[in-house]
Amino acid sequence: MKKLILASIVGLLLTSHASHAEVGITAYAGQTYSQTLTTSKLQQHELSDDSHYGFSVDWHEDDTKYGLFYSEYEGELEGSTQHKVKMEYLLFQSAVYRPIYNNLDAYLGLQLGVNRLDTNFADADSFFASGLFGGLEYQVLDSLSVGTEVRWLATIVKNKSKVTCDSDPATTDMCSWHFDGDTLNQFQVSANITYRF
């Protein structure tokens, strides 16, 4: 996964010089909120609302941007804190900007890619992910801006994950857990900073 991210960044940078587009690197940090998980035993588990970080590398041309977004969330199942859950999103994103006031822009975009789900109690698995995002960006300097963003991340799981809980009958959390419905919804609220060159 790390090699894929590095190769994607290098590819974006090389392509951007050919098209003379402005490149932006954005760092994100914030809080992730998740929906309830329901097991095949009709048990319900909450993923902890925990922090995330991320970054993106984007082309900025006129009032649009497009590029790659990476985000990592690490949490646990509430009520079962020994069960750790890690999610890594790698998404292609595209957004449109609209001016609001002096040096203040709003933007709205779409994203499409993959969510890699890893736990300390089962094999890792990868799923198709998509969603929407939007935010505000304030230009502090010609090449530097700060902002805030809300991102909806929808992971299509269709209850076919290899992720399973402990099936030992002697334990209290016996389950073959799956996501509630065909989609796992998460919301990220982030602050960000962007440097363009």
Protein backbone atom coordinates (compact mmCIF):
# COMPACT_ATOMS: atom_id res chain seq x y z
CA MET A 1 0.00 0.00 0.00
CA LYS A 2 2.82 2.43 0.92
CA LYS A 3 4.59 1.74 -2.42
CA LEU A 4 1.35 2.39 -4.32
CA ILE A 5 0.91 5.73 -2.54
CA LEU A 6 4.50 6.77 -3.28
CA ALA A 7 4.22 5.76 -6.94
CA SER A 8 0.94 7.69 -7.25
CA ILE A 9 2.46 10.86 -5.79
CA VAL A 10 5.48 10.68 -8.13
CA GLY A 11 3.16 10.09 -11.08
CA LEU A 12 1.04 13.10 -10.19
CA LEU A 13 4.07 15.34 -9.83
CA LEU A 14 5.56 14.25 -13.16
CA THR A 15 2.29 14.62 -15.01
CA SER A 16 1.62 18.03 -13.50
CA HIS A 17 4.82 19.50 -14.96
CA ALA A 18 3.76 18.33 -18.41
CA SER A 19 0.36 20.03 -18.14
CA HIS A 20 1.65 23.18 -16.34
CA ALA A 21 -1.02 22.73 -13.66
CA GLU A 22 -0.46 23.96 -10.14
CA VAL A 23 0.20 21.12 -7.68
CA GLY A 24 -1.21 21.20 -4.18
CA ILE A 25 -0.23 19.04 -1.22
CA THR A 26 -2.79 19.00 1.59
CA ALA A 27 -2.47 17.59 5.11
CA TYR A 28 -5.64 16.63 7.02
CA ALA A 29 -6.37 15.82 10.67
CA GLY A 30 -9.68 15.39 12.44
CA GLN A 31 -12.34 13.08 13.83
CA THR A 32 -14.05 10.06 12.19
CA TYR A 33 -17.64 9.07 13.04
CA SER A 34 -18.91 5.58 12.10
CA GLN A 35 -22.23 3.79 11.89
CA THR A 36 -23.22 0.82 14.06
CA LEU A 37 -22.08 -2.69 13.05
CA THR A 38 -24.54 -5.60 13.40
CA THR A 39 -23.36 -9.22 13.72
CA SER A 40 -24.99 -12.40 12.45
CA LYS A 41 -25.93 -13.06 16.09
CA LEU A 42 -27.81 -9.72 16.04
CA GLN A 43 -25.24 -8.17 18.35
CA GLN A 44 -24.49 -4.51 17.76
CA HIS A 45 -21.02 -2.99 17.98
CA GLU A 46 -20.01 0.63 17.73
CA LEU A 47 -16.74 1.60 16.14
CA SER A 48 -15.09 4.19 18.35
CA ASP A 49 -15.28 7.75 17.08
CA ASP A 50 -11.58 8.33 16.80
CA SER A 51 -9.07 10.60 15.13
CA HIS A 52 -7.74 10.26 11.60
CA TYR A 53 -5.03 11.85 9.52
CA GLY A 54 -4.49 12.04 5.81
CA PHE A 55 -2.98 13.84 2.86
CA SER A 56 -3.75 14.48 -0.77
CA VAL A 57 -1.80 15.46 -3.87
CA ASP A 58 -3.93 17.36 -6.38
CA TRP A 59 -3.75 19.29 -9.63
CA HIS A 60 -5.34 22.73 -9.28
CA GLU A 61 -6.57 24.26 -12.53
CA ASP A 62 -8.80 27.35 -12.50
CA ASP A 63 -11.76 26.49 -10.25
CA THR A 64 -11.20 22.70 -10.08
CA LYS A 65 -8.88 20.21 -8.46
CA TYR A 66 -8.34 16.49 -8.94
CA GLY A 67 -5.87 14.01 -7.52
CA LEU A 68 -5.32 11.28 -4.92
CA PHE A 69 -6.45 11.27 -1.29
CA TYR A 70 -5.13 8.96 1.45
CA SER A 71 -6.57 8.72 4.96
CA GLU A 72 -5.92 6.42 7.93
CA TYR A 73 -8.24 5.76 10.87
CA GLU A 74 -7.41 3.52 13.84
CA GLY A 75 -10.08 2.67 16.39
CA GLU A 76 -11.63 -0.17 18.28
CA LEU A 77 -14.97 -1.80 18.94
CA GLU A 78 -16.60 0.03 21.84
CA GLY A 79 -17.39 -2.42 24.63
CA SER A 80 -14.68 -4.71 23.28
CA THR A 81 -11.59 -2.53 23.34
CA GLN A 82 -9.20 -5.42 22.67
CA HIS A 83 -10.63 -5.61 19.11
CA LYS A 84 -8.67 -3.00 17.12
CA VAL A 85 -9.79 -1.80 13.70
CA LYS A 86 -7.68 0.09 11.15
CA MET A 87 -9.01 1.56 7.90
CA GLU A 88 -6.93 3.01 5.08
CA TYR A 89 -8.65 4.89 2.26
CA LEU A 90 -6.97 5.53 -1.09
CA LEU A 91 -9.31 7.52 -3.33
CA PHE A 92 -9.26 9.46 -6.57
CA GLN A 93 -10.99 12.78 -5.92
CA SER A 94 -12.25 15.73 -7.92
CA ALA A 95 -13.80 18.99 -6.70
CA VAL A 96 -15.14 22.31 -7.97
CA TYR A 97 -14.42 25.61 -6.18
CA ARG A 98 -16.72 28.62 -5.86
CA PRO A 99 -15.70 32.00 -4.37
CA ILE A 100 -17.64 33.18 -1.31
CA TYR A 101 -15.77 36.24 -0.07
CA ASN A 102 -12.29 37.77 -0.28
CA ASN A 103 -9.79 34.86 -0.27
CA LEU A 104 -12.51 32.46 0.95
CA ASP A 105 -13.74 29.65 -1.32
CA ALA A 106 -16.19 26.78 -0.89
CA TYR A 107 -15.74 23.48 -2.70
CA LEU A 108 -17.73 20.31 -3.35
CA GLY A 109 -16.37 17.06 -4.74
CA LEU A 110 -16.67 13.34 -5.44
CA GLN A 111 -14.31 10.49 -4.55
CA LEU A 112 -13.83 6.89 -5.70
CA GLY A 113 -11.36 4.19 -4.65
CA VAL A 114 -10.66 1.50 -2.06
CA ASN A 115 -10.89 1.04 1.72
CA ARG A 116 -8.48 -1.50 3.25
CA LEU A 117 -9.90 -2.85 6.51
CA ASP A 118 -7.44 -4.47 8.92
CA THR A 119 -8.06 -5.81 12.43
CA ASN A 120 -6.03 -7.54 15.13
CA PHE A 121 -8.46 -10.47 15.18
CA ALA A 122 -8.90 -11.45 11.51
CA ASP A 123 -7.44 -11.24 8.00
CA ALA A 124 -7.33 -7.89 6.26
CA ASP A 125 -9.75 -7.20 3.42
CA SER A 126 -10.24 -4.45 0.80
CA PHE A 127 -13.52 -2.94 -0.39
CA PHE A 128 -14.77 -0.50 -3.01
CA ALA A 129 -15.36 2.96 -1.51
CA SER A 130 -16.86 6.22 -2.73
CA GLY A 131 -18.51 9.33 -1.37
CA LEU A 132 -18.80 13.10 -1.31
CA PHE A 133 -16.84 15.86 0.36
CA GLY A 134 -17.05 19.60 0.77
CA GLY A 135 -15.43 22.39 2.69
CA LEU A 136 -14.16 25.92 3.03
CA GLU A 137 -10.67 27.12 2.12
CA TYR A 138 -9.09 30.44 3.11
CA GLN A 139 -6.04 31.62 1.16
CA VAL A 140 -3.49 32.95 3.66
CA LEU A 141 -0.68 33.50 1.13
CA ASP A 142 -0.36 32.97 -2.64
CA SER A 143 0.84 29.41 -2.08
CA LEU A 144 -0.66 28.60 1.35
CA SER A 145 -4.27 28.06 2.44
CA VAL A 146 -6.07 26.61 5.46
CA GLY A 147 -9.52 25.11 5.64
CA THR A 148 -12.08 22.80 7.14
CA GLU A 149 -13.84 19.89 5.48
CA VAL A 150 -16.57 17.27 5.91
CA ARG A 151 -16.18 13.98 4.05
CA TRP A 152 -18.75 11.17 3.66
CA LEU A 153 -17.07 7.81 3.00
CA ALA A 154 -19.26 4.92 1.85
CA THR A 155 -17.63 1.47 1.74
CA ILE A 156 -19.52 -1.21 -0.23
CA VAL A 157 -19.12 -4.46 1.72
CA LYS A 158 -22.16 -6.64 0.85
CA ASN A 159 -21.48 -8.77 3.95
CA LYS A 160 -18.81 -10.88 2.21
CA SER A 161 -15.88 -9.76 4.32
CA LYS A 162 -13.25 -12.21 5.53
CA VAL A 163 -13.35 -10.32 8.85
CA THR A 164 -14.80 -12.52 11.59
CA CYS A 165 -14.88 -12.39 15.37
CA ASP A 166 -13.64 -15.17 17.63
CA SER A 167 -15.76 -18.30 16.99
CA ASP A 168 -14.63 -20.13 20.13
CA PRO A 169 -17.85 -21.00 22.06
CA ALA A 170 -16.02 -20.38 25.34
CA THR A 171 -15.76 -16.66 24.62
CA THR A 172 -18.53 -14.12 25.15
CA ASP A 173 -18.15 -12.25 21.85
CA MET A 174 -18.75 -15.25 19.56
CA CYS A 175 -19.88 -13.89 16.22
CA SER A 176 -19.30 -13.81 12.51
CA TRP A 177 -19.75 -10.07 12.27
CA HIS A 178 -20.78 -8.17 9.23
CA PHE A 179 -21.66 -4.62 8.41
CA ASP A 180 -25.20 -3.32 8.88
CA GLY A 181 -26.57 -3.41 5.33
CA ASP A 182 -24.40 -3.35 2.23
CA THR A 183 -22.63 -0.09 3.04
CA LEU A 184 -20.45 1.10 5.90
CA ASN A 185 -20.89 4.85 6.27
CA GLN A 186 -18.25 7.01 7.91
CA PHE A 187 -18.00 10.78 8.26
CA GLN A 188 -14.72 12.65 8.63
CA VAL A 189 -14.56 16.19 9.97
CA SER A 190 -11.11 17.67 9.31
CA ALA A 191 -8.97 20.75 9.48
CA ASN A 192 -6.44 21.02 6.67
CA ILE A 193 -3.56 23.03 5.31
CA THR A 194 -2.57 23.19 1.62
CA TYR A 195 0.69 24.24 0.00
CA ARG A 196 0.65 24.88 -3.76
CA PHE A 197 3.63 25.11 -6.12
